[in-house]
Amino acid sequence: MSNNSNNSFLAFLLGAGVGTAIGILFAPDAGENTRDRLTFKLSKYKKELEDLVGELVEGKETHFNEAKTEGKRVITEAKNKAENLLNDVNKLIDQINQGDN
């Protein structure tokens, strides 16, 4: 990945972390329920990120043209996964905010 892509991805992860922290602070649900939901979501995200890293490492072993094609596919998948993760985080924040009303 390029340096700009790395910075964007790190910014996304930082934003997701901050959003999660804010969600925890303002969570209307019982602490145990909130922790259980967060543990489940974070475990899911951890697995997805581990799979993505595995794909990136495996991609280094392909030939140049194959690597270029694979790189484009991985970038597209990473973008889609990042968008899905962001949507999940936004849904979780919306659920937490609805509990405040």
PDB file of N, CA and C in Angstrom:
ATOM      1  N   MET A   1       0.848  -1.180   0.000  1.00  0.00           N
ATOM      2  CA  MET A   1       0.000   0.000   0.000  1.00  0.00           C
ATOM      3  C   MET A   1       0.886   1.233   0.000  1.00  0.00           C
ATOM      4  N   SER A   2       0.373   2.300  -0.543  1.00  0.00           N
ATOM      5  CA  SER A   2       1.135   3.535  -0.527  1.00  0.00           C
ATOM      6  C   SER A   2       1.043   4.177   0.848  1.00  0.00           C
ATOM      7  N   ASN A   3       1.924   5.128   1.066  1.00  0.00           N
ATOM      8  CA  ASN A   3       1.962   5.813   2.355  1.00  0.00           C
ATOM      9  C   ASN A   3       0.640   6.520   2.631  1.00  0.00           C
ATOM     10  N   ASN A   4       0.044   7.106   1.580  1.00  0.00           N
ATOM     11  CA  ASN A   4      -1.239   7.806   1.727  1.00  0.00           C
ATOM     12  C   ASN A   4      -2.346   6.832   2.118  1.00  0.00           C
ATOM     13  N   SER A   5      -2.337   5.637   1.500  1.00  0.00           N
ATOM     14  CA  SER A   5      -3.344   4.631   1.836  1.00  0.00           C
ATOM     15  C   SER A   5      -3.174   4.172   3.277  1.00  0.00           C
ATOM     16  N   ASN A   6      -1.919   3.998   3.694  1.00  0.00           N
ATOM     17  CA  ASN A   6      -1.659   3.599   5.074  1.00  0.00           C
ATOM     18  C   ASN A   6      -2.174   4.650   6.046  1.00  0.00           C
ATOM     19  N   ASN A   7      -1.917   5.930   5.730  1.00  0.00           N
ATOM     20  CA  ASN A   7      -2.387   7.007   6.597  1.00  0.00           C
ATOM     21  C   ASN A   7      -3.904   7.048   6.659  1.00  0.00           C
ATOM     22  N   SER A   8      -4.559   6.833   5.515  1.00  0.00           N
ATOM     23  CA  SER A   8      -6.016   6.843   5.484  1.00  0.00           C
ATOM     24  C   SER A   8      -6.585   5.698   6.313  1.00  0.00           C
ATOM     25  N   PHE A   9      -5.965   4.522   6.155  1.00  0.00           N
ATOM     26  CA  PHE A   9      -6.440   3.362   6.903  1.00  0.00           C
ATOM     27  C   PHE A   9      -6.232   3.560   8.401  1.00  0.00           C
ATOM     28  N   LEU A  10      -5.082   4.105   8.782  1.00  0.00           N
ATOM     29  CA  LEU A  10      -4.819   4.372  10.199  1.00  0.00           C
ATOM     30  C   LEU A  10      -5.797   5.423  10.742  1.00  0.00           C
ATOM     31  N   ALA A  11      -6.098   6.418   9.919  1.00  0.00           N
ATOM     32  CA  ALA A  11      -7.065   7.434  10.339  1.00  0.00           C
ATOM     33  C   ALA A  11      -8.445   6.805  10.550  1.00  0.00           C
ATOM     34  N   PHE A  12      -8.799   5.879   9.645  1.00  0.00           N
ATOM     35  CA  PHE A  12     -10.073   5.172   9.800  1.00  0.00           C
ATOM     36  C   PHE A  12     -10.109   4.394  11.109  1.00  0.00           C
ATOM     37  N   LEU A  13      -9.026   3.637  11.367  1.00  0.00           N
ATOM     38  CA  LEU A  13      -8.976   2.845  12.600  1.00  0.00           C
ATOM     39  C   LEU A  13      -9.029   3.733  13.832  1.00  0.00           C
ATOM     40  N   LEU A  14      -8.329   4.857  13.786  1.00  0.00           N
ATOM     41  CA  LEU A  14      -8.357   5.798  14.905  1.00  0.00           C
ATOM     42  C   LEU A  14      -9.772   6.342  15.102  1.00  0.00           C
ATOM     43  N   GLY A  15     -10.428   6.704  14.006  1.00  0.00           N
ATOM     44  CA  GLY A  15     -11.803   7.208  14.087  1.00  0.00           C
ATOM     45  C   GLY A  15     -12.758   6.172  14.650  1.00  0.00           C
ATOM     46  N   ALA A  16     -12.578   4.913  14.216  1.00  0.00           N
ATOM     47  CA  ALA A  16     -13.426   3.838  14.739  1.00  0.00           C
ATOM     48  C   ALA A  16     -13.185   3.654  16.236  1.00  0.00           C
ATOM     49  N   GLY A  17     -11.930   3.748  16.643  1.00  0.00           N
ATOM     50  CA  GLY A  17     -11.609   3.613  18.068  1.00  0.00           C
ATOM     51  C   GLY A  17     -12.202   4.731  18.891  1.00  0.00           C
ATOM     52  N   VAL A  18     -12.092   5.955  18.398  1.00  0.00           N
ATOM     53  CA  VAL A  18     -12.654   7.108  19.110  1.00  0.00           C
ATOM     54  C   VAL A  18     -14.174   6.983  19.184  1.00  0.00           C
ATOM     55  N   GLY A  19     -14.787   6.569  18.074  1.00  0.00           N
ATOM     56  CA  GLY A  19     -16.238   6.390  18.064  1.00  0.00           C
ATOM     57  C   GLY A  19     -16.681   5.340  19.065  1.00  0.00           C
ATOM     58  N   THR A  20     -15.919   4.279  19.143  1.00  0.00           N
ATOM     59  CA  THR A  20     -16.231   3.222  20.107  1.00  0.00           C
ATOM     60  C   THR A  20     -16.105   3.734  21.533  1.00  0.00           C
ATOM     61  N   ALA A  21     -15.037   4.480  21.794  1.00  0.00           N
ATOM     62  CA  ALA A  21     -14.830   5.023  23.137  1.00  0.00           C
ATOM     63  C   ALA A  21     -15.968   5.964  23.531  1.00  0.00           C
ATOM     64  N   ILE A  22     -16.385   6.818  22.610  1.00  0.00           N
ATOM     65  CA  ILE A  22     -17.493   7.741  22.884  1.00  0.00           C
ATOM     66  C   ILE A  22     -18.778   6.949  23.119  1.00  0.00           C
ATOM     67  N   GLY A  23     -18.970   5.914  22.301  1.00  0.00           N
ATOM     68  CA  GLY A  23     -20.158   5.065  22.472  1.00  0.00           C
ATOM     69  C   GLY A  23     -20.194   4.419  23.840  1.00  0.00           C
ATOM     70  N   ILE A  24     -19.043   3.982  24.316  1.00  0.00           N
ATOM     71  CA  ILE A  24     -18.982   3.347  25.638  1.00  0.00           C
ATOM     72  C   ILE A  24     -19.317   4.361  26.724  1.00  0.00           C
ATOM     73  N   LEU A  25     -18.777   5.559  26.598  1.00  0.00           N
ATOM     74  CA  LEU A  25     -18.996   6.586  27.617  1.00  0.00           C
ATOM     75  C   LEU A  25     -20.460   6.996  27.737  1.00  0.00           C
ATOM     76  N   PHE A  26     -21.163   6.995  26.613  1.00  0.00           N
ATOM     77  CA  PHE A  26     -22.550   7.466  26.614  1.00  0.00           C
ATOM     78  C   PHE A  26     -23.555   6.326  26.452  1.00  0.00           C
ATOM     79  N   ALA A  27     -23.136   5.114  26.657  1.00  0.00           N
ATOM     80  CA  ALA A  27     -23.999   3.952  26.464  1.00  0.00           C
ATOM     81  C   ALA A  27     -25.109   3.927  27.517  1.00  0.00           C
ATOM     82  N   PRO A  28     -26.367   3.841  27.066  1.00  0.00           N
ATOM     83  CA  PRO A  28     -27.477   3.790  28.011  1.00  0.00           C
ATOM     84  C   PRO A  28     -27.714   2.382  28.550  1.00  0.00           C
ATOM     85  N   ASP A  29     -27.146   1.384  27.903  1.00  0.00           N
ATOM     86  CA  ASP A  29     -27.342  -0.003  28.284  1.00  0.00           C
ATOM     87  C   ASP A  29     -26.467  -0.341  29.490  1.00  0.00           C
ATOM     88  N   ALA A  30     -26.773  -1.440  30.140  1.00  0.00           N
ATOM     89  CA  ALA A  30     -25.961  -1.883  31.273  1.00  0.00           C
ATOM     90  C   ALA A  30     -24.537  -2.148  30.809  1.00  0.00           C
ATOM     91  N   GLY A  31     -23.585  -1.904  31.686  1.00  0.00           N
ATOM     92  CA  GLY A  31     -22.182  -2.063  31.336  1.00  0.00           C
ATOM     93  C   GLY A  31     -21.846  -3.444  30.810  1.00  0.00           C
ATOM     94  N   GLU A  32     -22.407  -4.473  31.433  1.00  0.00           N
ATOM     95  CA  GLU A  32     -22.112  -5.845  31.001  1.00  0.00           C
ATOM     96  C   GLU A  32     -22.616  -6.101  29.585  1.00  0.00           C
ATOM     97  N   ASN A  33     -23.831  -5.636  29.289  1.00  0.00           N
ATOM     98  CA  ASN A  33     -24.388  -5.807  27.940  1.00  0.00           C
ATOM     99  C   ASN A  33     -23.556  -5.051  26.909  1.00  0.00           C
ATOM    100  N   THR A  34     -23.162  -3.837  27.247  1.00  0.00           N
ATOM    101  CA  THR A  34     -22.347  -3.037  26.331  1.00  0.00           C
ATOM    102  C   THR A  34     -21.009  -3.718  26.090  1.00  0.00           C
ATOM    103  N   ARG A  35     -20.377  -4.195  27.132  1.00  0.00           N
ATOM    104  CA  ARG A  35     -19.085  -4.880  26.985  1.00  0.00           C
ATOM    105  C   ARG A  35     -19.233  -6.137  26.137  1.00  0.00           C
ATOM    106  N   ASP A  36     -20.308  -6.878  26.339  1.00  0.00           N
ATOM    107  CA  ASP A  36     -20.529  -8.090  25.546  1.00  0.00           C
ATOM    108  C   ASP A  36     -20.686  -7.754  24.065  1.00  0.00           C
ATOM    109  N   ARG A  37     -21.478  -6.725  23.769  1.00  0.00           N
ATOM    110  CA  ARG A  37     -21.663  -6.323  22.370  1.00  0.00           C
ATOM    111  C   ARG A  37     -20.362  -5.838  21.765  1.00  0.00           C
ATOM    112  N   LEU A  38     -19.619  -5.033  22.526  1.00  0.00           N
ATOM    113  CA  LEU A  38     -18.347  -4.533  22.010  1.00  0.00           C
ATOM    114  C   LEU A  38     -17.339  -5.660  21.817  1.00  0.00           C
ATOM    115  N   THR A  39     -17.296  -6.599  22.733  1.00  0.00           N
ATOM    116  CA  THR A  39     -16.387  -7.731  22.611  1.00  0.00           C
ATOM    117  C   THR A  39     -16.704  -8.518  21.348  1.00  0.00           C
ATOM    118  N   PHE A  40     -17.983  -8.747  21.099  1.00  0.00           N
ATOM    119  CA  PHE A  40     -18.385  -9.477  19.896  1.00  0.00           C
ATOM    120  C   PHE A  40     -17.971  -8.713  18.641  1.00  0.00           C
ATOM    121  N   LYS A  41     -18.304  -7.426  18.583  1.00  0.00           N
ATOM    122  CA  LYS A  41     -17.973  -6.613  17.406  1.00  0.00           C
ATOM    123  C   LYS A  41     -16.467  -6.530  17.196  1.00  0.00           C
ATOM    124  N   LEU A  42     -15.718  -6.284  18.268  1.00  0.00           N
ATOM    125  CA  LEU A  42     -14.269  -6.145  18.138  1.00  0.00           C
ATOM    126  C   LEU A  42     -13.621  -7.467  17.740  1.00  0.00           C
ATOM    127  N   SER A  43     -14.155  -8.569  18.206  1.00  0.00           N
ATOM    128  CA  SER A  43     -13.638  -9.880  17.795  1.00  0.00           C
ATOM    129  C   SER A  43     -13.866 -10.085  16.301  1.00  0.00           C
ATOM    130  N   LYS A  44     -15.032  -9.680  15.840  1.00  0.00           N
ATOM    131  CA  LYS A  44     -15.357  -9.782  14.414  1.00  0.00           C
ATOM    132  C   LYS A  44     -14.403  -8.920  13.596  1.00  0.00           C
ATOM    133  N   TYR A  45     -14.166  -7.684  14.029  1.00  0.00           N
ATOM    134  CA  TYR A  45     -13.271  -6.783  13.315  1.00  0.00           C
ATOM    135  C   TYR A  45     -11.840  -7.303  13.337  1.00  0.00           C
ATOM    136  N   LYS A  46     -11.421  -7.860  14.473  1.00  0.00           N
ATOM    137  CA  LYS A  46     -10.071  -8.407  14.587  1.00  0.00           C
ATOM    138  C   LYS A  46      -9.874  -9.531  13.576  1.00  0.00           C
ATOM    139  N   LYS A  47     -10.849 -10.423  13.461  1.00  0.00           N
ATOM    140  CA  LYS A  47     -10.763 -11.540  12.514  1.00  0.00           C
ATOM    141  C   LYS A  47     -10.687 -11.014  11.083  1.00  0.00           C
ATOM    142  N   GLU A  48     -11.513 -10.030  10.746  1.00  0.00           N
ATOM    143  CA  GLU A  48     -11.491  -9.460   9.394  1.00  0.00           C
ATOM    144  C   GLU A  48     -10.150  -8.820   9.089  1.00  0.00           C
ATOM    145  N   LEU A  49      -9.585  -8.104  10.052  1.00  0.00           N
ATOM    146  CA  LEU A  49      -8.284  -7.471   9.843  1.00  0.00           C
ATOM    147  C   LEU A  49      -7.170  -8.510   9.734  1.00  0.00           C
ATOM    148  N   GLU A  50      -7.244  -9.576  10.524  1.00  0.00           N
ATOM    149  CA  GLU A  50      -6.251 -10.651  10.422  1.00  0.00           C
ATOM    150  C   GLU A  50      -6.319 -11.301   9.044  1.00  0.00           C
ATOM    151  N   ASP A  51      -7.532 -11.528   8.540  1.00  0.00           N
ATOM    152  CA  ASP A  51      -7.689 -12.104   7.204  1.00  0.00           C
ATOM    153  C   ASP A  51      -7.107 -11.178   6.142  1.00  0.00           C
ATOM    154  N   LEU A  52      -7.357  -9.888   6.292  1.00  0.00           N
ATOM    155  CA  LEU A  52      -6.848  -8.909   5.334  1.00  0.00           C
ATOM    156  C   LEU A  52      -5.323  -8.892   5.341  1.00  0.00           C
ATOM    157  N   VAL A  53      -4.715  -8.905   6.514  1.00  0.00           N
ATOM    158  CA  VAL A  53      -3.255  -8.923   6.610  1.00  0.00           C
ATOM    159  C   VAL A  53      -2.713 -10.202   5.987  1.00  0.00           C
ATOM    160  N   GLY A  54      -3.377 -11.317   6.250  1.00  0.00           N
ATOM    161  CA  GLY A  54      -2.965 -12.588   5.645  1.00  0.00           C
ATOM    162  C   GLY A  54      -2.993 -12.521   4.132  1.00  0.00           C
ATOM    163  N   GLU A  55      -4.044 -11.908   3.579  1.00  0.00           N
ATOM    164  CA  GLU A  55      -4.138 -11.757   2.135  1.00  0.00           C
ATOM    165  C   GLU A  55      -3.015 -10.878   1.602  1.00  0.00           C
ATOM    166  N   LEU A  56      -2.690  -9.824   2.321  1.00  0.00           N
ATOM    167  CA  LEU A  56      -1.610  -8.939   1.884  1.00  0.00           C
ATOM    168  C   LEU A  56      -0.268  -9.660   1.904  1.00  0.00           C
ATOM    169  N   VAL A  57      -0.017 -10.440   2.932  1.00  0.00           N
ATOM    170  CA  VAL A  57       1.248 -11.180   3.030  1.00  0.00           C
ATOM    171  C   VAL A  57       1.329 -12.215   1.915  1.00  0.00           C
ATOM    172  N   GLU A  58       0.258 -12.940   1.667  1.00  0.00           N
ATOM    173  CA  GLU A  58       0.244 -13.930   0.592  1.00  0.00           C
ATOM    174  C   GLU A  58       0.440 -13.272  -0.768  1.00  0.00           C
ATOM    175  N   GLY A  59      -0.064 -12.059  -0.923  1.00  0.00           N
ATOM    176  CA  GLY A  59       0.061 -11.342  -2.186  1.00  0.00           C
ATOM    177  C   GLY A  59       1.506 -11.028  -2.546  1.00  0.00           C
ATOM    178  N   LYS A  60       2.413 -10.956  -1.560  1.00  0.00           N
ATOM    179  CA  LYS A  60       3.818 -10.662  -1.825  1.00  0.00           C
ATOM    180  C   LYS A  60       4.502 -11.797  -2.577  1.00  0.00           C
ATOM    181  N   GLU A  61       3.956 -12.990  -2.514  1.00  0.00           N
ATOM    182  CA  GLU A  61       4.588 -14.152  -3.103  1.00  0.00           C
ATOM    183  C   GLU A  61       4.209 -14.363  -4.563  1.00  0.00           C
ATOM    184  N   THR A  62       3.367 -13.534  -5.138  1.00  0.00           N
ATOM    185  CA  THR A  62       2.945 -13.702  -6.531  1.00  0.00           C
ATOM    186  C   THR A  62       3.880 -12.945  -7.460  1.00  0.00           C
ATOM    187  N   HIS A  63       3.810 -13.265  -8.765  1.00  0.00           N
ATOM    188  CA  HIS A  63       4.623 -12.576  -9.765  1.00  0.00           C
ATOM    189  C   HIS A  63       4.148 -11.147  -9.931  1.00  0.00           C
ATOM    190  N   PHE A  64       4.943 -10.333 -10.649  1.00  0.00           N
ATOM    191  CA  PHE A  64       4.674  -8.905 -10.741  1.00  0.00           C
ATOM    192  C   PHE A  64       3.267  -8.612 -11.265  1.00  0.00           C
ATOM    193  N   ASN A  65       2.897  -9.149 -12.429  1.00  0.00           N
ATOM    194  CA  ASN A  65       1.569  -8.864 -12.993  1.00  0.00           C
ATOM    195  C   ASN A  65       0.456  -9.411 -12.112  1.00  0.00           C
ATOM    196  N   GLU A  66       0.681 -10.606 -11.598  1.00  0.00           N
ATOM    197  CA  GLU A  66      -0.312 -11.181 -10.704  1.00  0.00           C
ATOM    198  C   GLU A  66      -0.416 -10.352  -9.427  1.00  0.00           C
ATOM    199  N   ALA A  67       0.722  -9.861  -8.959  1.00  0.00           N
ATOM    200  CA  ALA A  67       0.729  -9.041  -7.741  1.00  0.00           C
ATOM    201  C   ALA A  67      -0.043  -7.745  -7.970  1.00  0.00           C
ATOM    202  N   LYS A  68       0.142  -7.157  -9.150  1.00  0.00           N
ATOM    203  CA  LYS A  68      -0.571  -5.911  -9.442  1.00  0.00           C
ATOM    204  C   LYS A  68      -2.082  -6.143  -9.462  1.00  0.00           C
ATOM    205  N   THR A  69      -2.500  -7.202 -10.130  1.00  0.00           N
ATOM    206  CA  THR A  69      -3.927  -7.539 -10.194  1.00  0.00           C
ATOM    207  C   THR A  69      -4.459  -7.881  -8.804  1.00  0.00           C
ATOM    208  N   GLU A  70      -3.691  -8.693  -8.089  1.00  0.00           N
ATOM    209  CA  GLU A  70      -4.101  -9.077  -6.728  1.00  0.00           C
ATOM    210  C   GLU A  70      -4.157  -7.858  -5.820  1.00  0.00           C
ATOM    211  N   GLY A  71      -3.198  -6.966  -5.966  1.00  0.00           N
ATOM    212  CA  GLY A  71      -3.171  -5.750  -5.154  1.00  0.00           C
ATOM    213  C   GLY A  71      -4.420  -4.912  -5.354  1.00  0.00           C
ATOM    214  N   LYS A  72      -4.819  -4.764  -6.608  1.00  0.00           N
ATOM    215  CA  LYS A  72      -6.040  -3.995  -6.895  1.00  0.00           C
ATOM    216  C   LYS A  72      -7.256  -4.665  -6.262  1.00  0.00           C
ATOM    217  N   ARG A  73      -7.303  -5.999  -6.337  1.00  0.00           N
ATOM    218  CA  ARG A  73      -8.435  -6.721  -5.747  1.00  0.00           C
ATOM    219  C   ARG A  73      -8.447  -6.556  -4.228  1.00  0.00           C
ATOM    220  N   VAL A  74      -7.264  -6.684  -3.621  1.00  0.00           N
ATOM    221  CA  VAL A  74      -7.169  -6.564  -2.162  1.00  0.00           C
ATOM    222  C   VAL A  74      -7.543  -5.155  -1.716  1.00  0.00           C
ATOM    223  N   ILE A  75      -7.090  -4.157  -2.471  1.00  0.00           N
ATOM    224  CA  ILE A  75      -7.428  -2.768  -2.131  1.00  0.00           C
ATOM    225  C   ILE A  75      -8.940  -2.568  -2.203  1.00  0.00           C
ATOM    226  N   THR A  76      -9.549  -3.101  -3.250  1.00  0.00           N
ATOM    227  CA  THR A  76     -11.002  -2.979  -3.389  1.00  0.00           C
ATOM    228  C   THR A  76     -11.713  -3.676  -2.237  1.00  0.00           C
ATOM    229  N   GLU A  77     -11.248  -4.886  -1.904  1.00  0.00           N
ATOM    230  CA  GLU A  77     -11.853  -5.602  -0.781  1.00  0.00           C
ATOM    231  C   GLU A  77     -11.636  -4.862   0.534  1.00  0.00           C
ATOM    232  N   ALA A  78     -10.430  -4.318   0.722  1.00  0.00           N
ATOM    233  CA  ALA A  78     -10.140  -3.577   1.957  1.00  0.00           C
ATOM    234  C   ALA A  78     -11.048  -2.359   2.064  1.00  0.00           C
ATOM    235  N   LYS A  79     -11.238  -1.673   0.942  1.00  0.00           N
ATOM    236  CA  LYS A  79     -12.123  -0.505   0.944  1.00  0.00           C
ATOM    237  C   LYS A  79     -13.551  -0.924   1.309  1.00  0.00           C
ATOM    238  N   ASN A  80     -14.022  -2.012   0.700  1.00  0.00           N
ATOM    239  CA  ASN A  80     -15.375  -2.490   1.001  1.00  0.00           C
ATOM    240  C   ASN A  80     -15.503  -2.918   2.461  1.00  0.00           C
ATOM    241  N   LYS A  81     -14.484  -3.626   2.963  1.00  0.00           N
ATOM    242  CA  LYS A  81     -14.523  -4.048   4.368  1.00  0.00           C
ATOM    243  C   LYS A  81     -14.493  -2.842   5.300  1.00  0.00           C
ATOM    244  N   ALA A  82     -13.677  -1.843   4.954  1.00  0.00           N
ATOM    245  CA  ALA A  82     -13.606  -0.641   5.781  1.00  0.00           C
ATOM    246  C   ALA A  82     -14.958   0.081   5.793  1.00  0.00           C
ATOM    247  N   GLU A  83     -15.603   0.155   4.626  1.00  0.00           N
ATOM    248  CA  GLU A  83     -16.920   0.791   4.562  1.00  0.00           C
ATOM    249  C   GLU A  83     -17.935   0.001   5.386  1.00  0.00           C
ATOM    250  N   ASN A  84     -17.874  -1.324   5.311  1.00  0.00           N
ATOM    251  CA  ASN A  84     -18.784  -2.159   6.105  1.00  0.00           C
ATOM    252  C   ASN A  84     -18.533  -1.977   7.593  1.00  0.00           C
ATOM    253  N   LEU A  85     -17.257  -1.925   7.975  1.00  0.00           N
ATOM    254  CA  LEU A  85     -16.930  -1.704   9.382  1.00  0.00           C
ATOM    255  C   LEU A  85     -17.444  -0.350   9.850  1.00  0.00           C
ATOM    256  N   LEU A  86     -17.263   0.666   9.013  1.00  0.00           N
ATOM    257  CA  LEU A  86     -17.745   1.994   9.367  1.00  0.00           C
ATOM    258  C   LEU A  86     -19.267   1.997   9.510  1.00  0.00           C
ATOM    259  N   ASN A  87     -19.950   1.307   8.614  1.00  0.00           N
ATOM    260  CA  ASN A  87     -21.405   1.205   8.721  1.00  0.00           C
ATOM    261  C   ASN A  87     -21.812   0.500  10.005  1.00  0.00           C
ATOM    262  N   ASP A  88     -21.094  -0.582  10.364  1.00  0.00           N
ATOM    263  CA  ASP A  88     -21.398  -1.284  11.612  1.00  0.00           C
ATOM    264  C   ASP A  88     -21.193  -0.380  12.817  1.00  0.00           C
ATOM    265  N   VAL A  89     -20.111   0.391  12.799  1.00  0.00           N
ATOM    266  CA  VAL A  89     -19.835   1.311  13.905  1.00  0.00           C
ATOM    267  C   VAL A  89     -20.934   2.367  13.986  1.00  0.00           C
ATOM    268  N   ASN A  90     -21.325   2.910  12.840  1.00  0.00           N
ATOM    269  CA  ASN A  90     -22.389   3.925  12.830  1.00  0.00           C
ATOM    270  C   ASN A  90     -23.712   3.349  13.335  1.00  0.00           C
ATOM    271  N   LYS A  91     -24.022   2.105  12.962  1.00  0.00           N
ATOM    272  CA  LYS A  91     -25.250   1.472  13.443  1.00  0.00           C
ATOM    273  C   LYS A  91     -25.203   1.292  14.956  1.00  0.00           C
ATOM    274  N   LEU A  92     -24.032   0.875  15.447  1.00  0.00           N
ATOM    275  CA  LEU A  92     -23.874   0.687  16.888  1.00  0.00           C
ATOM    276  C   LEU A  92     -24.045   2.021  17.619  1.00  0.00           C
ATOM    277  N   ILE A  93     -23.454   3.077  17.078  1.00  0.00           N
ATOM    278  CA  ILE A  93     -23.596   4.398  17.696  1.00  0.00           C
ATOM    279  C   ILE A  93     -25.056   4.847  17.648  1.00  0.00           C
ATOM    280  N   ASP A  94     -25.747   4.599  16.516  1.00  0.00           N
ATOM    281  CA  ASP A  94     -27.163   4.953  16.413  1.00  0.00           C
ATOM    282  C   ASP A  94     -27.990   4.195  17.452  1.00  0.00           C
ATOM    283  N   GLN A  95     -27.687   2.906  17.639  1.00  0.00           N
ATOM    284  CA  GLN A  95     -28.418   2.112  18.636  1.00  0.00           C
ATOM    285  C   GLN A  95     -28.194   2.693  20.028  1.00  0.00           C
ATOM    286  N   ILE A  96     -26.970   3.071  20.297  1.00  0.00           N
ATOM    287  CA  ILE A  96     -26.653   3.641  21.611  1.00  0.00           C
ATOM    288  C   ILE A  96     -27.378   4.978  21.790  1.00  0.00           C
ATOM    289  N   ASN A  97     -27.355   5.797  20.725  1.00  0.00           N
ATOM    290  CA  ASN A  97     -28.028   7.110  20.799  1.00  0.00           C
ATOM    291  C   ASN A  97     -29.536   6.956  20.941  1.00  0.00           C
ATOM    292  N   GLN A  98     -30.132   5.961  20.327  1.00  0.00           N
ATOM    293  CA  GLN A  98     -31.580   5.738  20.432  1.00  0.00           C
ATOM    294  C   GLN A  98     -31.957   5.376  21.866  1.00  0.00           C
ATOM    295  N   GLY A  99     -31.054   4.730  22.549  1.00  0.00           N
ATOM    296  CA  GLY A  99     -31.326   4.371  23.939  1.00  0.00           C
ATOM    297  C   GLY A  99     -31.358   5.585  24.847  1.00  0.00           C
ATOM    298  N   ASP A 100     -30.682   6.683  24.419  1.00  0.00           N
ATOM    299  CA  ASP A 100     -30.669   7.921  25.212  1.00  0.00           C
ATOM    300  C   ASP A 100     -32.005   8.639  25.150  1.00  0.00           C
ATOM    301  N   ASN A 101     -32.783   8.380  24.103  1.00  0.00           N
ATOM    302  CA  ASN A 101     -34.046   9.106  23.908  1.00  0.00           C
ATOM    303  C   ASN A 101     -35.117   8.540  24.715  1.00  0.00           C
TER     304      ASN A 101
END
